[in-house]
Amino acid sequence: MAAYRTLLVLAALVACLTDAVVVPALGKRIVNGFLTPNNMAPYVVSVMRSMGGGMVYLCGGSIISPNHILTAAHCVYDDSAKGAATAVNMTIGYGSMNKSQQKKTVATAVYMHPKSYVGGKFNGTYDIAVIKVPTLAFDSSTAKIGIYTGAIQPGQNLLAMGWGQTEPNALMLSSLRGVIRQAGNAAQCKTKGTDYSVNNGPTICSPGLLTPEQSTCSGDSGTAIAINSNGTMLLAGLNSVAVTAGGGNCSSPTSTHFYIRAAHYVGFISESTGLPQSYFGATGGKDAGLAPANTTVTQTVVVMPTNMPGWLANY
């Protein structure tokens, strides 16, 4: 219990940052979020793996092409193999925000960032992976999301998503939930065990003190962190890890959440998919695909798509 209070990670597999220890764990997910409207995020998928004779939900992911899913490296890591899990053991659920109603497809290849695990040791700065799948038919419930390449300022609102129980009596436990988080600054985010410097580097920081009691948590890793760019929802990053101190939990003011910035790793994404960087809306060199800001960013930009529930319009 003490270890749970000390460190939490946003997935079924927990990477404990303190003293670089890797600890597996399970836990709650979106805390005090909201049920997403139907078809609000047709790019969000579930990532499952065959384990112990059954299929186990591990993480979320995002469709970035008809044949590719972006997720966290620790979601696809196989400790026994000291590398990526065998593709045929990975299943992707898509086409519905209700996990129990999703269509299923089996992966054909899995690509982890080569620096995410070296000698079995987890490095959260490179916590990103691509899963290849048979061609997905796009429609209103299945679509890809582009990568946001603009700047992310401190105070920027971000829409985080994931599946899971939020409280003992929660309804619709299989439905996707969302929660608003805010990007922090270096003073708020210099946490033990991380090398965070700015939000426009490899990771985006979101300190709990900016949105207390509203957060992602275990089980949400790999799922999209979206941003509203001139009315279009784009992929800012993906859920990775979180650190907390003083006996706090996922949603406490002492927690600090880190998201992998997708644009920073567009080189890796391009190499893994065989698609040009321009396909994803990003340009630049390997692992540094940061184009000039393509939208005006303020500290109060609201990350709400047009079909967001009315009661959240003034968040």
C-alpha atoms as a PDB file:
ATOM      1  CA  MET A   1       0.000   0.000   0.000  1.00  0.00           C
ATOM      2  CA  ALA A   2       2.838   2.382   0.781  1.00  0.00           C
ATOM      3  CA  ALA A   3       4.336   1.812  -2.664  1.00  0.00           C
ATOM      4  CA  TYR A   4       0.963   2.517  -4.284  1.00  0.00           C
ATOM      5  CA  ARG A   5       0.744   5.837  -2.463  1.00  0.00           C
ATOM      6  CA  THR A   6       4.264   6.779  -3.436  1.00  0.00           C
ATOM      7  CA  LEU A   7       4.197   6.178  -7.189  1.00  0.00           C
ATOM      8  CA  LEU A   8       1.456   5.576  -9.752  1.00  0.00           C
ATOM      9  CA  VAL A   9       1.663   4.868 -13.436  1.00  0.00           C
ATOM     10  CA  LEU A  10      -0.986   5.327 -16.067  1.00  0.00           C
ATOM     11  CA  ALA A  11      -1.331   1.725 -17.209  1.00  0.00           C
ATOM     12  CA  ALA A  12      -1.805  -1.857 -16.127  1.00  0.00           C
ATOM     13  CA  LEU A  13       2.002  -2.089 -16.161  1.00  0.00           C
ATOM     14  CA  VAL A  14       3.508   0.513 -13.811  1.00  0.00           C
ATOM     15  CA  ALA A  15       6.946   2.029 -14.329  1.00  0.00           C
ATOM     16  CA  CYS A  16       8.114   3.332 -10.967  1.00  0.00           C
ATOM     17  CA  LEU A  17      10.370   6.309 -11.559  1.00  0.00           C
ATOM     18  CA  THR A  18      11.849   6.626  -8.071  1.00  0.00           C
ATOM     19  CA  ASP A  19      15.272   4.960  -8.064  1.00  0.00           C
ATOM     20  CA  ALA A  20      14.456   3.639 -11.572  1.00  0.00           C
ATOM     21  CA  VAL A  21      12.564   0.605 -10.224  1.00  0.00           C
ATOM     22  CA  VAL A  22       9.975  -1.040 -12.515  1.00  0.00           C
ATOM     23  CA  VAL A  23       6.910  -2.259 -10.620  1.00  0.00           C
ATOM     24  CA  PRO A  24       3.849  -3.988 -12.160  1.00  0.00           C
ATOM     25  CA  ALA A  25       0.479  -2.958 -10.706  1.00  0.00           C
ATOM     26  CA  LEU A  26      -3.204  -2.505 -11.409  1.00  0.00           C
ATOM     27  CA  GLY A  27      -5.488   0.308 -10.335  1.00  0.00           C
ATOM     28  CA  LYS A  28      -8.214   2.787 -11.120  1.00  0.00           C
ATOM     29  CA  ARG A  29      -8.160   4.885 -14.268  1.00  0.00           C
ATOM     30  CA  ILE A  30      -9.865   8.185 -15.183  1.00  0.00           C
ATOM     31  CA  VAL A  31     -10.652   9.969 -11.908  1.00  0.00           C
ATOM     32  CA  ASN A  32     -13.659  12.332 -11.792  1.00  0.00           C
ATOM     33  CA  GLY A  33     -13.913  12.498 -15.567  1.00  0.00           C
ATOM     34  CA  PHE A  34     -16.941  12.447 -17.865  1.00  0.00           C
ATOM     35  CA  LEU A  35     -18.447   9.901 -20.237  1.00  0.00           C
ATOM     36  CA  THR A  36     -17.445  10.830 -23.779  1.00  0.00           C
ATOM     37  CA  PRO A  37     -20.271  11.310 -26.305  1.00  0.00           C
ATOM     38  CA  ASN A  38     -20.650   8.631 -28.965  1.00  0.00           C
ATOM     39  CA  ASN A  39     -18.130   9.052 -31.808  1.00  0.00           C
ATOM     40  CA  MET A  40     -16.353  11.926 -30.065  1.00  0.00           C
ATOM     41  CA  ALA A  41     -12.990  10.190 -30.419  1.00  0.00           C
ATOM     42  CA  PRO A  42     -13.191   7.572 -33.204  1.00  0.00           C
ATOM     43  CA  TYR A  43      -9.384   7.340 -33.178  1.00  0.00           C
ATOM     44  CA  VAL A  44      -9.194   5.899 -29.644  1.00  0.00           C
ATOM     45  CA  VAL A  45      -8.698   2.117 -29.402  1.00  0.00           C
ATOM     46  CA  SER A  46      -8.148  -0.436 -26.671  1.00  0.00           C
ATOM     47  CA  VAL A  47      -4.972  -2.510 -26.535  1.00  0.00           C
ATOM     48  CA  MET A  48      -5.295  -6.070 -25.243  1.00  0.00           C
ATOM     49  CA  ARG A  49      -2.928  -8.977 -24.890  1.00  0.00           C
ATOM     50  CA  SER A  50      -3.307 -12.726 -24.586  1.00  0.00           C
ATOM     51  CA  MET A  51      -2.095 -13.587 -21.100  1.00  0.00           C
ATOM     52  CA  GLY A  52      -2.694 -16.644 -18.956  1.00  0.00           C
ATOM     53  CA  GLY A  53      -5.063 -18.228 -21.444  1.00  0.00           C
ATOM     54  CA  GLY A  54      -7.295 -15.155 -21.742  1.00  0.00           C
ATOM     55  CA  MET A  55      -7.390 -11.691 -23.289  1.00  0.00           C
ATOM     56  CA  VAL A  56      -6.467  -8.931 -20.831  1.00  0.00           C
ATOM     57  CA  TYR A  57      -7.121  -5.212 -21.361  1.00  0.00           C
ATOM     58  CA  LEU A  58      -3.872  -3.321 -20.816  1.00  0.00           C
ATOM     59  CA  CYS A  59      -3.933   0.154 -22.346  1.00  0.00           C
ATOM     60  CA  GLY A  60      -5.382   2.486 -24.906  1.00  0.00           C
ATOM     61  CA  GLY A  61      -3.995   3.739 -28.193  1.00  0.00           C
ATOM     62  CA  SER A  62      -4.690   6.020 -31.148  1.00  0.00           C
ATOM     63  CA  ILE A  63      -5.266   5.256 -34.817  1.00  0.00           C
ATOM     64  CA  ILE A  64      -2.677   7.231 -36.815  1.00  0.00           C
ATOM     65  CA  SER A  65      -3.190   5.478 -40.185  1.00  0.00           C
ATOM     66  CA  PRO A  66      -5.484   2.729 -41.519  1.00  0.00           C
ATOM     67  CA  ASN A  67      -2.769   0.224 -40.540  1.00  0.00           C
ATOM     68  CA  HIS A  68      -1.124   1.710 -37.444  1.00  0.00           C
ATOM     69  CA  ILE A  69      -1.851   2.313 -33.759  1.00  0.00           C
ATOM     70  CA  LEU A  70       0.256   4.558 -31.517  1.00  0.00           C
ATOM     71  CA  THR A  71       0.568   3.536 -27.871  1.00  0.00           C
ATOM     72  CA  ALA A  72       3.046   3.468 -24.985  1.00  0.00           C
ATOM     73  CA  ALA A  73       6.047   1.157 -25.135  1.00  0.00           C
ATOM     74  CA  HIS A  74       5.354  -0.279 -21.693  1.00  0.00           C
ATOM     75  CA  CYS A  75       1.941  -1.401 -22.992  1.00  0.00           C
ATOM     76  CA  VAL A  76       3.549  -3.802 -25.474  1.00  0.00           C
ATOM     77  CA  TYR A  77       6.675  -4.788 -23.544  1.00  0.00           C
ATOM     78  CA  ASP A  78       7.063  -8.489 -22.747  1.00  0.00           C
ATOM     79  CA  ASP A  79       9.312  -8.919 -19.727  1.00  0.00           C
ATOM     80  CA  SER A  80       9.977 -12.598 -20.428  1.00  0.00           C
ATOM     81  CA  ALA A  81      11.192 -11.744 -23.940  1.00  0.00           C
ATOM     82  CA  LYS A  82      12.917  -8.521 -22.830  1.00  0.00           C
ATOM     83  CA  GLY A  83      11.334  -6.842 -25.824  1.00  0.00           C
ATOM     84  CA  ALA A  84       8.116  -6.299 -27.749  1.00  0.00           C
ATOM     85  CA  ALA A  85       5.300  -8.773 -27.242  1.00  0.00           C
ATOM     86  CA  THR A  86       4.584 -11.217 -30.062  1.00  0.00           C
ATOM     87  CA  ALA A  87       2.219  -9.496 -32.496  1.00  0.00           C
ATOM     88  CA  VAL A  88      -0.303 -12.362 -32.680  1.00  0.00           C
ATOM     89  CA  ASN A  89      -0.812 -12.015 -28.929  1.00  0.00           C
ATOM     90  CA  MET A  90      -1.845  -8.353 -29.275  1.00  0.00           C
ATOM     91  CA  THR A  91      -5.461  -7.466 -30.077  1.00  0.00           C
ATOM     92  CA  ILE A  92      -6.843  -4.021 -30.873  1.00  0.00           C
ATOM     93  CA  GLY A  93     -10.454  -3.053 -30.094  1.00  0.00           C
ATOM     94  CA  TYR A  94     -11.890  -0.273 -32.258  1.00  0.00           C
ATOM     95  CA  GLY A  95     -15.084   1.212 -33.685  1.00  0.00           C
ATOM     96  CA  SER A  96     -16.845   2.053 -30.419  1.00  0.00           C
ATOM     97  CA  MET A  97     -16.270   4.033 -27.243  1.00  0.00           C
ATOM     98  CA  ASN A  98     -17.945   1.182 -25.403  1.00  0.00           C
ATOM     99  CA  LYS A  99     -15.141  -1.320 -24.945  1.00  0.00           C
ATOM    100  CA  SER A 100     -17.552  -4.239 -24.754  1.00  0.00           C
ATOM    101  CA  GLN A 101     -18.963  -3.411 -28.195  1.00  0.00           C
ATOM    102  CA  GLN A 102     -15.728  -2.931 -30.109  1.00  0.00           C
ATOM    103  CA  LYS A 103     -14.659  -4.781 -33.233  1.00  0.00           C
ATOM    104  CA  LYS A 104     -11.410  -6.695 -32.824  1.00  0.00           C
ATOM    105  CA  THR A 105      -8.317  -7.096 -34.978  1.00  0.00           C
ATOM    106  CA  VAL A 106      -5.038  -8.899 -34.292  1.00  0.00           C
ATOM    107  CA  ALA A 107      -1.716  -7.097 -34.648  1.00  0.00           C
ATOM    108  CA  THR A 108       0.701  -8.067 -37.412  1.00  0.00           C
ATOM    109  CA  ALA A 109       3.783  -6.288 -36.046  1.00  0.00           C
ATOM    110  CA  VAL A 110       4.895  -4.365 -32.951  1.00  0.00           C
ATOM    111  CA  TYR A 111       7.604  -1.673 -32.920  1.00  0.00           C
ATOM    112  CA  MET A 112       8.919  -0.276 -29.627  1.00  0.00           C
ATOM    113  CA  HIS A 113      11.202   2.733 -29.535  1.00  0.00           C
ATOM    114  CA  PRO A 114      14.676   1.160 -29.311  1.00  0.00           C
ATOM    115  CA  LYS A 115      15.554   3.285 -26.283  1.00  0.00           C
ATOM    116  CA  SER A 116      12.361   2.580 -24.315  1.00  0.00           C
ATOM    117  CA  TYR A 117      13.828  -0.564 -22.760  1.00  0.00           C
ATOM    118  CA  VAL A 118      17.560  -1.224 -22.782  1.00  0.00           C
ATOM    119  CA  GLY A 119      18.614  -4.402 -21.026  1.00  0.00           C
ATOM    120  CA  GLY A 120      15.122  -4.672 -19.590  1.00  0.00           C
ATOM    121  CA  LYS A 121      15.384  -1.254 -17.917  1.00  0.00           C
ATOM    122  CA  PHE A 122      12.530   1.155 -18.630  1.00  0.00           C
ATOM    123  CA  ASN A 123      13.242   4.691 -19.827  1.00  0.00           C
ATOM    124  CA  GLY A 124      10.042   6.768 -19.672  1.00  0.00           C
ATOM    125  CA  THR A 125      11.405   9.461 -21.992  1.00  0.00           C
ATOM    126  CA  TYR A 126      11.046   7.003 -24.916  1.00  0.00           C
ATOM    127  CA  ASP A 127       7.775   5.381 -23.843  1.00  0.00           C
ATOM    128  CA  ILE A 128       6.263   5.061 -27.330  1.00  0.00           C
ATOM    129  CA  ALA A 129       5.399   2.184 -29.673  1.00  0.00           C
ATOM    130  CA  VAL A 130       3.638   1.507 -32.965  1.00  0.00           C
ATOM    131  CA  ILE A 131       1.356  -1.485 -33.537  1.00  0.00           C
ATOM    132  CA  LYS A 132       0.649  -2.561 -37.126  1.00  0.00           C
ATOM    133  CA  VAL A 133      -2.806  -3.985 -37.886  1.00  0.00           C
ATOM    134  CA  PRO A 134      -4.725  -5.136 -40.971  1.00  0.00           C
ATOM    135  CA  THR A 135      -6.325  -2.217 -42.832  1.00  0.00           C
ATOM    136  CA  LEU A 136      -9.120  -0.603 -40.822  1.00  0.00           C
ATOM    137  CA  ALA A 137     -12.179   0.638 -42.711  1.00  0.00           C
ATOM    138  CA  PHE A 138     -12.741   4.266 -41.747  1.00  0.00           C
ATOM    139  CA  ASP A 139     -16.241   5.580 -41.017  1.00  0.00           C
ATOM    140  CA  SER A 140     -17.917   7.786 -38.406  1.00  0.00           C
ATOM    141  CA  SER A 141     -16.823   5.465 -35.589  1.00  0.00           C
ATOM    142  CA  THR A 142     -13.325   4.625 -36.852  1.00  0.00           C
ATOM    143  CA  ALA A 143     -10.889   7.320 -38.009  1.00  0.00           C
ATOM    144  CA  LYS A 144      -7.281   8.418 -37.696  1.00  0.00           C
ATOM    145  CA  ILE A 145      -6.028  11.447 -35.810  1.00  0.00           C
ATOM    146  CA  GLY A 146      -3.295  13.810 -36.999  1.00  0.00           C
ATOM    147  CA  ILE A 147      -0.339  14.861 -34.872  1.00  0.00           C
ATOM    148  CA  TYR A 148      -0.276  18.336 -33.359  1.00  0.00           C
ATOM    149  CA  THR A 149       3.013  20.073 -34.137  1.00  0.00           C
ATOM    150  CA  GLY A 150       2.435  23.467 -32.541  1.00  0.00           C
ATOM    151  CA  ALA A 151       3.733  24.769 -29.235  1.00  0.00           C
ATOM    152  CA  ILE A 152       2.193  23.711 -25.930  1.00  0.00           C
ATOM    153  CA  GLN A 153       2.274  26.521 -23.394  1.00  0.00           C
ATOM    154  CA  PRO A 154       2.054  26.253 -19.593  1.00  0.00           C
ATOM    155  CA  GLY A 155      -1.628  26.363 -18.641  1.00  0.00           C
ATOM    156  CA  GLN A 156      -2.722  24.822 -21.961  1.00  0.00           C
ATOM    157  CA  ASN A 157      -5.815  22.648 -21.581  1.00  0.00           C
ATOM    158  CA  LEU A 158      -5.505  19.045 -22.753  1.00  0.00           C
ATOM    159  CA  LEU A 159      -8.127  16.336 -23.129  1.00  0.00           C
ATOM    160  CA  ALA A 160      -6.987  13.008 -21.665  1.00  0.00           C
ATOM    161  CA  MET A 161      -9.008   9.822 -22.145  1.00  0.00           C
ATOM    162  CA  GLY A 162      -9.221   6.221 -20.975  1.00  0.00           C
ATOM    163  CA  TRP A 163     -11.388   3.313 -19.874  1.00  0.00           C
ATOM    164  CA  GLY A 164     -12.041   2.133 -16.335  1.00  0.00           C
ATOM    165  CA  GLN A 165     -13.889   2.391 -13.063  1.00  0.00           C
ATOM    166  CA  THR A 166     -13.805   5.800 -11.429  1.00  0.00           C
ATOM    167  CA  GLU A 167     -15.705   5.114  -8.211  1.00  0.00           C
ATOM    168  CA  PRO A 168     -17.333   2.032  -6.634  1.00  0.00           C
ATOM    169  CA  ASN A 169     -20.834   2.783  -7.972  1.00  0.00           C
ATOM    170  CA  ALA A 170     -19.854   4.127 -11.396  1.00  0.00           C
ATOM    171  CA  LEU A 171     -22.155   3.257 -14.273  1.00  0.00           C
ATOM    172  CA  MET A 172     -21.189   2.235 -17.814  1.00  0.00           C
ATOM    173  CA  LEU A 173     -17.793   0.922 -16.802  1.00  0.00           C
ATOM    174  CA  SER A 174     -16.956  -0.110 -20.380  1.00  0.00           C
ATOM    175  CA  SER A 175     -17.441   3.399 -21.766  1.00  0.00           C
ATOM    176  CA  LEU A 176     -14.592   5.763 -22.617  1.00  0.00           C
ATOM    177  CA  ARG A 177     -14.115   8.634 -20.208  1.00  0.00           C
ATOM    178  CA  GLY A 178     -12.395  11.968 -20.634  1.00  0.00           C
ATOM    179  CA  VAL A 179     -10.831  14.436 -18.246  1.00  0.00           C
ATOM    180  CA  ILE A 180      -9.351  17.911 -18.657  1.00  0.00           C
ATOM    181  CA  ARG A 181      -5.711  18.330 -17.654  1.00  0.00           C
ATOM    182  CA  GLN A 182      -3.412  21.345 -17.904  1.00  0.00           C
ATOM    183  CA  ALA A 183       0.190  21.592 -19.024  1.00  0.00           C
ATOM    184  CA  GLY A 184       2.609  22.824 -16.377  1.00  0.00           C
ATOM    185  CA  ASN A 185       5.960  24.600 -16.377  1.00  0.00           C
ATOM    186  CA  ALA A 186       9.503  23.641 -15.410  1.00  0.00           C
ATOM    187  CA  ALA A 187       9.181  24.901 -11.840  1.00  0.00           C
ATOM    188  CA  GLN A 188       6.100  22.719 -11.275  1.00  0.00           C
ATOM    189  CA  CYS A 189       7.401  19.671 -13.128  1.00  0.00           C
ATOM    190  CA  LYS A 190      11.007  19.095 -12.119  1.00  0.00           C
ATOM    191  CA  THR A 191      10.229  15.824 -10.364  1.00  0.00           C
ATOM    192  CA  LYS A 192      12.693  13.233  -9.082  1.00  0.00           C
ATOM    193  CA  GLY A 193      13.478  10.565 -11.664  1.00  0.00           C
ATOM    194  CA  THR A 194      12.558  12.548 -14.783  1.00  0.00           C
ATOM    195  CA  ASP A 195      14.500  14.711 -17.221  1.00  0.00           C
ATOM    196  CA  TYR A 196      11.602  17.004 -18.143  1.00  0.00           C
ATOM    197  CA  SER A 197      12.560  20.495 -19.272  1.00  0.00           C
ATOM    198  CA  VAL A 198       9.798  21.943 -21.490  1.00  0.00           C
ATOM    199  CA  ASN A 199       6.469  20.764 -22.911  1.00  0.00           C
ATOM    200  CA  ASN A 200       7.791  20.979 -26.464  1.00  0.00           C
ATOM    201  CA  GLY A 201      10.475  18.366 -25.867  1.00  0.00           C
ATOM    202  CA  PRO A 202       9.930  14.591 -25.610  1.00  0.00           C
ATOM    203  CA  THR A 203       7.378  14.850 -22.794  1.00  0.00           C
ATOM    204  CA  ILE A 204       4.479  17.059 -21.705  1.00  0.00           C
ATOM    205  CA  CYS A 205       4.050  17.661 -17.973  1.00  0.00           C
ATOM    206  CA  SER A 206       0.701  18.051 -16.215  1.00  0.00           C
ATOM    207  CA  PRO A 207       0.977  18.720 -12.453  1.00  0.00           C
ATOM    208  CA  GLY A 208      -1.899  17.676 -10.231  1.00  0.00           C
ATOM    209  CA  LEU A 209      -2.003  21.036  -8.482  1.00  0.00           C
ATOM    210  CA  LEU A 210      -3.521  22.584 -11.639  1.00  0.00           C
ATOM    211  CA  THR A 211      -6.451  20.130 -11.865  1.00  0.00           C
ATOM    212  CA  PRO A 212      -6.770  18.449  -8.449  1.00  0.00           C
ATOM    213  CA  GLU A 213      -9.096  15.441  -8.202  1.00  0.00           C
ATOM    214  CA  GLN A 214      -9.321  15.162 -11.999  1.00  0.00           C
ATOM    215  CA  SER A 215      -6.768  12.869 -13.596  1.00  0.00           C
ATOM    216  CA  THR A 216      -5.763   9.810 -15.513  1.00  0.00           C
ATOM    217  CA  CYS A 217      -4.481   6.825 -13.570  1.00  0.00           C
ATOM    218  CA  SER A 218      -3.505   3.151 -13.909  1.00  0.00           C
ATOM    219  CA  GLY A 219      -4.953   1.607 -17.054  1.00  0.00           C
ATOM    220  CA  ASP A 220      -4.911   4.785 -19.150  1.00  0.00           C
ATOM    221  CA  SER A 221      -1.408   4.496 -20.591  1.00  0.00           C
ATOM    222  CA  GLY A 222      -1.053   4.833 -24.338  1.00  0.00           C
ATOM    223  CA  THR A 223      -4.409   6.583 -24.723  1.00  0.00           C
ATOM    224  CA  ALA A 224      -4.586   9.912 -26.538  1.00  0.00           C
ATOM    225  CA  ILE A 225      -3.910  13.334 -25.083  1.00  0.00           C
ATOM    226  CA  ALA A 226      -5.795  15.550 -27.535  1.00  0.00           C
ATOM    227  CA  ILE A 227      -5.694  19.276 -28.226  1.00  0.00           C
ATOM    228  CA  ASN A 228      -8.065  21.575 -30.110  1.00  0.00           C
ATOM    229  CA  SER A 229      -6.161  23.181 -32.987  1.00  0.00           C
ATOM    230  CA  ASN A 230      -8.418  25.706 -34.733  1.00  0.00           C
ATOM    231  CA  GLY A 231     -11.435  23.453 -34.240  1.00  0.00           C
ATOM    232  CA  THR A 232      -9.713  20.179 -35.170  1.00  0.00           C
ATOM    233  CA  MET A 233      -8.796  17.647 -32.511  1.00  0.00           C
ATOM    234  CA  LEU A 234      -5.155  16.580 -32.921  1.00  0.00           C
ATOM    235  CA  LEU A 235      -2.876  14.219 -31.035  1.00  0.00           C
ATOM    236  CA  ALA A 236      -0.656  16.144 -28.637  1.00  0.00           C
ATOM    237  CA  GLY A 237       0.649  13.031 -26.927  1.00  0.00           C
ATOM    238  CA  LEU A 238      -0.140   9.826 -25.103  1.00  0.00           C
ATOM    239  CA  ASN A 239      -0.493   8.848 -21.476  1.00  0.00           C
ATOM    240  CA  SER A 240       2.755   7.560 -20.015  1.00  0.00           C
ATOM    241  CA  VAL A 241       3.709   7.762 -16.324  1.00  0.00           C
ATOM    242  CA  ALA A 242       2.949   9.713 -13.157  1.00  0.00           C
ATOM    243  CA  VAL A 243       4.791  10.454  -9.932  1.00  0.00           C
ATOM    244  CA  THR A 244       3.320  11.592  -6.631  1.00  0.00           C
ATOM    245  CA  ALA A 245       4.686  12.387  -3.205  1.00  0.00           C
ATOM    246  CA  GLY A 246       3.532  12.718   0.375  1.00  0.00           C
ATOM    247  CA  GLY A 247       1.119   9.797   0.368  1.00  0.00           C
ATOM    248  CA  GLY A 248      -0.985  11.194  -2.492  1.00  0.00           C
ATOM    249  CA  ASN A 249      -2.764   9.319  -5.258  1.00  0.00           C
ATOM    250  CA  CYS A 250      -3.364   9.729  -9.004  1.00  0.00           C
ATOM    251  CA  SER A 251      -5.549  12.809  -8.630  1.00  0.00           C
ATOM    252  CA  SER A 252      -3.844  14.472  -5.682  1.00  0.00           C
ATOM    253  CA  PRO A 253      -2.261  17.946  -5.971  1.00  0.00           C
ATOM    254  CA  THR A 254       1.114  16.305  -5.300  1.00  0.00           C
ATOM    255  CA  SER A 255       0.928  14.138  -8.426  1.00  0.00           C
ATOM    256  CA  THR A 256       2.825  14.966 -11.606  1.00  0.00           C
ATOM    257  CA  HIS A 257       1.717  13.330 -14.857  1.00  0.00           C
ATOM    258  CA  PHE A 258       3.923  12.952 -17.921  1.00  0.00           C
ATOM    259  CA  TYR A 259       2.699  12.428 -21.476  1.00  0.00           C
ATOM    260  CA  ILE A 260       4.878  11.436 -24.438  1.00  0.00           C
ATOM    261  CA  ARG A 261       4.769  14.236 -27.022  1.00  0.00           C
ATOM    262  CA  ALA A 262       3.893  12.583 -30.343  1.00  0.00           C
ATOM    263  CA  ALA A 263       5.427  15.286 -32.562  1.00  0.00           C
ATOM    264  CA  HIS A 264       8.832  14.831 -30.958  1.00  0.00           C
ATOM    265  CA  TYR A 265       8.908  11.209 -32.127  1.00  0.00           C
ATOM    266  CA  VAL A 266       7.522  11.613 -35.630  1.00  0.00           C
ATOM    267  CA  GLY A 267      10.856  10.295 -36.968  1.00  0.00           C
ATOM    268  CA  PHE A 268      10.396   7.025 -35.093  1.00  0.00           C
ATOM    269  CA  ILE A 269       6.737   6.896 -36.158  1.00  0.00           C
ATOM    270  CA  SER A 270       7.658   7.446 -39.813  1.00  0.00           C
ATOM    271  CA  GLU A 271      10.334   4.751 -39.727  1.00  0.00           C
ATOM    272  CA  SER A 272       8.028   2.263 -38.012  1.00  0.00           C
ATOM    273  CA  THR A 273       5.092   2.822 -40.359  1.00  0.00           C
ATOM    274  CA  GLY A 274       6.966   3.392 -43.623  1.00  0.00           C
ATOM    275  CA  LEU A 275       4.921   6.547 -44.148  1.00  0.00           C
ATOM    276  CA  PRO A 276       6.401  10.033 -44.701  1.00  0.00           C
ATOM    277  CA  GLN A 277       6.438  12.452 -41.812  1.00  0.00           C
ATOM    278  CA  SER A 278       4.156  14.756 -43.792  1.00  0.00           C
ATOM    279  CA  TYR A 279       1.419  12.105 -43.594  1.00  0.00           C
ATOM    280  CA  PHE A 280       1.137  12.704 -39.849  1.00  0.00           C
ATOM    281  CA  GLY A 281       1.122  16.487 -40.094  1.00  0.00           C
ATOM    282  CA  ALA A 282       4.627  16.880 -38.719  1.00  0.00           C
ATOM    283  CA  THR A 283       7.969  17.809 -40.272  1.00  0.00           C
ATOM    284  CA  GLY A 284      11.543  17.765 -39.064  1.00  0.00           C
ATOM    285  CA  GLY A 285      14.428  15.426 -38.357  1.00  0.00           C
ATOM    286  CA  LYS A 286      14.489  12.079 -36.616  1.00  0.00           C
ATOM    287  CA  ASP A 287      12.792  12.179 -33.209  1.00  0.00           C
ATOM    288  CA  ALA A 288      12.440  15.957 -33.481  1.00  0.00           C
ATOM    289  CA  GLY A 289       9.487  16.635 -35.765  1.00  0.00           C
ATOM    290  CA  LEU A 290       8.532  20.011 -34.374  1.00  0.00           C
ATOM    291  CA  ALA A 291       7.167  22.358 -37.016  1.00  0.00           C
ATOM    292  CA  PRO A 292       6.370  26.014 -36.248  1.00  0.00           C
ATOM    293  CA  ALA A 293       3.160  26.477 -34.276  1.00  0.00           C
ATOM    294  CA  ASN A 294       0.166  26.045 -36.569  1.00  0.00           C
ATOM    295  CA  THR A 295      -2.355  27.588 -34.222  1.00  0.00           C
ATOM    296  CA  THR A 296      -2.514  30.449 -31.759  1.00  0.00           C
ATOM    297  CA  VAL A 297      -2.111  28.968 -28.298  1.00  0.00           C
ATOM    298  CA  THR A 298      -3.212  30.721 -25.128  1.00  0.00           C
ATOM    299  CA  GLN A 299      -3.345  29.593 -21.545  1.00  0.00           C
ATOM    300  CA  THR A 300      -7.127  29.315 -21.689  1.00  0.00           C
ATOM    301  CA  VAL A 301      -7.692  27.407 -24.938  1.00  0.00           C
ATOM    302  CA  VAL A 302     -10.583  24.992 -24.343  1.00  0.00           C
ATOM    303  CA  VAL A 303     -10.002  21.462 -25.588  1.00  0.00           C
ATOM    304  CA  MET A 304     -13.612  20.759 -26.490  1.00  0.00           C
ATOM    305  CA  PRO A 305     -14.793  19.330 -29.812  1.00  0.00           C
ATOM    306  CA  THR A 306     -18.120  20.528 -31.191  1.00  0.00           C
ATOM    307  CA  ASN A 307     -19.977  17.478 -29.885  1.00  0.00           C
ATOM    308  CA  MET A 308     -18.781  17.847 -26.288  1.00  0.00           C
ATOM    309  CA  PRO A 309     -21.645  17.840 -23.737  1.00  0.00           C
ATOM    310  CA  GLY A 310     -23.131  21.300 -23.253  1.00  0.00           C
ATOM    311  CA  TRP A 311     -22.498  21.295 -19.514  1.00  0.00           C
ATOM    312  CA  LEU A 312     -18.760  21.266 -20.220  1.00  0.00           C
ATOM    313  CA  ALA A 313     -18.801  24.106 -22.736  1.00  0.00           C
ATOM    314  CA  ASN A 314     -17.655  26.704 -20.214  1.00  0.00           C
ATOM    315  CA  TYR A 315     -14.996  24.614 -18.509  1.00  0.00           C
END
